[in-house]
N, C-alpha and C. Protein backbone atom coordinates (compact mmCIF):
# COMPACT_ATOMS: atom_id res chain seq x y z
N MET A 1 107.12 211.24 128.78
CA MET A 1 108.47 211.06 129.29
C MET A 1 108.68 209.57 129.57
N TYR A 2 109.82 209.08 129.20
CA TYR A 2 110.19 207.68 129.43
C TYR A 2 111.37 207.62 130.38
N ARG A 3 111.45 206.53 131.09
CA ARG A 3 112.64 206.24 131.88
C ARG A 3 112.99 204.78 131.67
N ILE A 4 114.25 204.45 131.84
CA ILE A 4 114.71 203.08 131.64
C ILE A 4 114.72 202.36 132.98
N VAL A 5 114.09 201.20 133.03
CA VAL A 5 114.05 200.36 134.23
C VAL A 5 114.81 199.07 133.91
N THR A 6 115.69 198.68 134.81
CA THR A 6 116.47 197.46 134.61
C THR A 6 116.06 196.41 135.64
N LYS A 7 115.69 195.24 135.15
CA LYS A 7 115.42 194.07 135.98
C LYS A 7 116.40 193.00 135.55
N TYR A 8 116.42 191.87 136.23
CA TYR A 8 117.37 190.80 135.92
C TYR A 8 116.66 189.47 135.77
N SER A 9 117.07 188.70 134.78
CA SER A 9 116.52 187.36 134.54
C SER A 9 117.62 186.33 134.75
N LEU A 10 117.22 185.16 135.23
CA LEU A 10 118.15 184.05 135.46
C LEU A 10 117.82 182.95 134.46
N LEU A 11 118.78 182.61 133.60
CA LEU A 11 118.59 181.58 132.59
C LEU A 11 119.68 180.53 132.74
N GLY A 12 119.31 179.29 132.48
CA GLY A 12 120.26 178.19 132.57
C GLY A 12 120.94 177.94 131.23
N LEU A 13 122.20 177.53 131.27
CA LEU A 13 122.95 177.16 130.06
C LEU A 13 122.97 175.65 129.95
N ARG A 14 122.52 175.12 128.83
CA ARG A 14 122.50 173.67 128.61
C ARG A 14 123.28 173.34 127.36
N ASN A 15 124.00 172.24 127.40
CA ASN A 15 124.71 171.75 126.23
C ASN A 15 123.75 170.86 125.45
N GLU A 16 123.49 171.20 124.19
CA GLU A 16 122.59 170.42 123.37
C GLU A 16 123.30 169.94 122.12
N THR A 17 122.78 168.89 121.54
CA THR A 17 123.37 168.29 120.35
C THR A 17 122.40 168.38 119.19
N ASP A 18 122.93 168.73 118.03
CA ASP A 18 122.15 168.76 116.80
C ASP A 18 122.46 167.48 116.03
N PRO A 19 121.54 166.50 116.02
CA PRO A 19 121.83 165.22 115.37
C PRO A 19 122.03 165.32 113.86
N VAL A 20 121.41 166.31 113.23
CA VAL A 20 121.53 166.45 111.78
C VAL A 20 122.94 166.90 111.39
N HIS A 21 123.42 167.93 112.08
CA HIS A 21 124.75 168.47 111.75
C HIS A 21 125.85 167.91 112.65
N GLN A 22 125.49 167.07 113.58
CA GLN A 22 126.42 166.44 114.51
C GLN A 22 127.32 167.47 115.19
N SER A 23 126.67 168.46 115.79
CA SER A 23 127.43 169.49 116.50
C SER A 23 126.81 169.74 117.87
N ASN A 24 127.62 170.25 118.77
CA ASN A 24 127.17 170.63 120.10
C ASN A 24 127.14 172.14 120.20
N TYR A 25 126.21 172.64 120.97
CA TYR A 25 126.13 174.08 121.19
C TYR A 25 125.46 174.34 122.53
N MET A 26 125.69 175.52 123.08
CA MET A 26 125.11 175.92 124.36
C MET A 26 123.83 176.71 124.10
N VAL A 27 122.80 176.43 124.90
CA VAL A 27 121.50 177.06 124.74
C VAL A 27 121.08 177.68 126.07
N LEU A 28 120.56 178.89 126.02
CA LEU A 28 119.97 179.52 127.21
C LEU A 28 118.53 179.08 127.31
N LYS A 29 118.16 178.53 128.47
CA LYS A 29 116.79 178.05 128.67
C LYS A 29 116.24 178.59 129.99
N PRO A 30 114.94 178.83 130.02
CA PRO A 30 114.32 179.21 131.30
C PRO A 30 114.42 178.05 132.29
N ILE A 31 114.61 178.37 133.54
CA ILE A 31 114.70 177.37 134.60
C ILE A 31 113.35 177.33 135.30
N SER A 32 112.76 176.14 135.40
CA SER A 32 111.45 176.05 136.05
C SER A 32 111.57 176.40 137.53
N GLY A 33 110.60 177.13 138.01
CA GLY A 33 110.58 177.53 139.41
C GLY A 33 111.25 178.86 139.69
N VAL A 34 111.92 179.44 138.70
CA VAL A 34 112.61 180.73 138.89
C VAL A 34 111.61 181.86 138.74
N PRO A 35 111.66 182.85 139.62
CA PRO A 35 110.80 184.03 139.42
C PRO A 35 111.08 184.68 138.06
N HIS A 36 110.09 185.31 137.51
CA HIS A 36 110.19 185.91 136.17
C HIS A 36 111.30 186.96 136.10
N GLU A 37 111.44 187.77 137.15
CA GLU A 37 112.46 188.81 137.17
C GLU A 37 112.91 189.09 138.59
N PHE A 38 114.09 189.67 138.70
CA PHE A 38 114.66 190.04 139.99
C PHE A 38 114.96 191.53 139.98
N GLU A 39 114.88 192.14 141.15
CA GLU A 39 115.14 193.58 141.26
C GLU A 39 116.61 193.91 141.10
N THR A 40 117.50 193.03 141.60
CA THR A 40 118.94 193.27 141.52
C THR A 40 119.65 192.03 141.01
N GLU A 41 120.85 192.21 140.53
CA GLU A 41 121.66 191.09 140.07
C GLU A 41 122.00 190.17 141.25
N GLN A 42 122.28 190.77 142.40
CA GLN A 42 122.61 189.99 143.58
C GLN A 42 121.43 189.14 144.03
N ALA A 43 120.21 189.63 143.88
CA ALA A 43 119.02 188.84 144.24
C ALA A 43 118.92 187.59 143.37
N ALA A 44 119.29 187.69 142.10
CA ALA A 44 119.28 186.52 141.21
C ALA A 44 120.32 185.50 141.65
N PHE A 45 121.52 185.97 141.99
CA PHE A 45 122.57 185.07 142.46
C PHE A 45 122.17 184.41 143.79
N ASP A 46 121.58 185.18 144.68
CA ASP A 46 121.15 184.63 145.97
C ASP A 46 120.09 183.55 145.76
N TRP A 47 119.16 183.78 144.84
CA TRP A 47 118.13 182.78 144.57
C TRP A 47 118.78 181.50 144.07
N ALA A 48 119.74 181.61 143.16
CA ALA A 48 120.42 180.43 142.61
C ALA A 48 121.16 179.66 143.70
N LEU A 49 121.79 180.37 144.62
CA LEU A 49 122.52 179.70 145.70
C LEU A 49 121.60 179.03 146.71
N ASN A 50 120.40 179.54 146.86
CA ASN A 50 119.49 179.01 147.88
C ASN A 50 118.44 178.04 147.35
N ASN A 51 118.44 177.77 146.05
CA ASN A 51 117.44 176.88 145.46
C ASN A 51 118.13 175.78 144.66
N HIS A 52 118.83 174.93 145.36
CA HIS A 52 119.61 173.86 144.71
C HIS A 52 118.73 172.92 143.90
N GLU A 53 117.57 172.61 144.40
CA GLU A 53 116.71 171.62 143.73
C GLU A 53 116.22 172.14 142.38
N ASP A 54 115.91 173.42 142.29
CA ASP A 54 115.42 173.98 141.02
C ASP A 54 116.52 174.17 139.99
N ILE A 55 117.73 174.44 140.45
CA ILE A 55 118.80 174.78 139.53
C ILE A 55 119.78 173.62 139.28
N ARG A 56 119.53 172.47 139.85
CA ARG A 56 120.48 171.35 139.77
C ARG A 56 120.74 170.86 138.35
N HIS A 57 119.78 171.02 137.44
CA HIS A 57 119.97 170.60 136.06
C HIS A 57 120.74 171.63 135.23
N TYR A 58 121.01 172.78 135.83
CA TYR A 58 121.72 173.86 135.14
C TYR A 58 122.93 174.28 135.97
N PRO A 59 124.03 173.50 135.93
CA PRO A 59 125.21 173.88 136.71
C PRO A 59 125.83 175.19 136.23
N GLU A 60 125.53 175.58 135.01
CA GLU A 60 125.97 176.87 134.50
C GLU A 60 124.73 177.72 134.22
N PHE A 61 124.78 178.96 134.65
CA PHE A 61 123.64 179.85 134.42
C PHE A 61 124.14 181.25 134.14
N VAL A 62 123.24 182.08 133.64
CA VAL A 62 123.55 183.46 133.27
C VAL A 62 122.52 184.37 133.90
N VAL A 63 122.97 185.48 134.46
CA VAL A 63 122.06 186.53 134.93
C VAL A 63 122.12 187.65 133.91
N LEU A 64 120.99 187.88 133.24
CA LEU A 64 120.94 188.88 132.17
C LEU A 64 120.16 190.11 132.62
N PRO A 65 120.70 191.30 132.35
CA PRO A 65 119.91 192.51 132.61
C PRO A 65 118.86 192.67 131.51
N VAL A 66 117.67 193.03 131.90
CA VAL A 66 116.57 193.28 130.96
C VAL A 66 116.18 194.74 131.14
N HIS A 67 116.32 195.50 130.07
CA HIS A 67 116.03 196.93 130.12
C HIS A 67 114.66 197.19 129.49
N ARG A 68 113.89 198.04 130.14
CA ARG A 68 112.56 198.40 129.63
C ARG A 68 112.43 199.92 129.64
N ALA A 69 111.82 200.43 128.60
CA ALA A 69 111.46 201.84 128.58
C ALA A 69 110.05 201.95 129.15
N VAL A 70 109.91 202.67 130.23
CA VAL A 70 108.61 202.78 130.92
C VAL A 70 108.11 204.21 130.80
N LEU A 71 106.87 204.33 130.36
CA LEU A 71 106.25 205.64 130.24
C LEU A 71 105.92 206.15 131.64
N THR A 72 106.35 207.36 131.94
CA THR A 72 106.09 207.95 133.25
C THR A 72 105.35 209.27 133.06
N TRP A 73 104.65 209.66 134.08
CA TRP A 73 103.96 210.93 134.05
C TRP A 73 104.26 211.66 135.34
N ARG A 74 104.69 212.90 135.21
CA ARG A 74 104.90 213.74 136.38
C ARG A 74 104.07 214.99 136.20
N PRO A 75 103.58 215.55 137.28
CA PRO A 75 102.72 216.75 137.16
C PRO A 75 103.36 217.87 136.35
N ASP A 76 104.68 218.03 136.42
CA ASP A 76 105.32 219.11 135.69
C ASP A 76 105.47 218.80 134.19
N ASP A 77 105.07 217.59 133.76
CA ASP A 77 105.15 217.19 132.36
C ASP A 77 103.84 217.48 131.60
N THR A 78 102.87 218.11 132.24
CA THR A 78 101.59 218.34 131.57
C THR A 78 101.78 219.27 130.39
N PRO A 79 101.26 218.85 129.24
CA PRO A 79 101.40 219.72 128.07
C PRO A 79 100.54 220.97 128.20
N THR A 80 101.04 222.05 127.69
CA THR A 80 100.25 223.28 127.71
C THR A 80 99.60 223.46 126.35
N VAL A 81 98.32 223.81 126.36
CA VAL A 81 97.57 223.96 125.11
C VAL A 81 97.13 225.38 124.94
């Protein structure tokens, strides 16, 4: 049996330039010092508001939901042979 678990990641948006094609584009990048995942979306926003020094290079950021299928076992799921 599987169940879906949702966690949240905080990524910074940076404007980057491609010198070959002379174009600008936005890139999602990991922010140093950010925890790998958050339990709730609000926890990610709270972290961003309370950690100015870590997020100062990323004035724009995105909170993305990350969905995982997790294998679970319950006693009533035992296969009968």
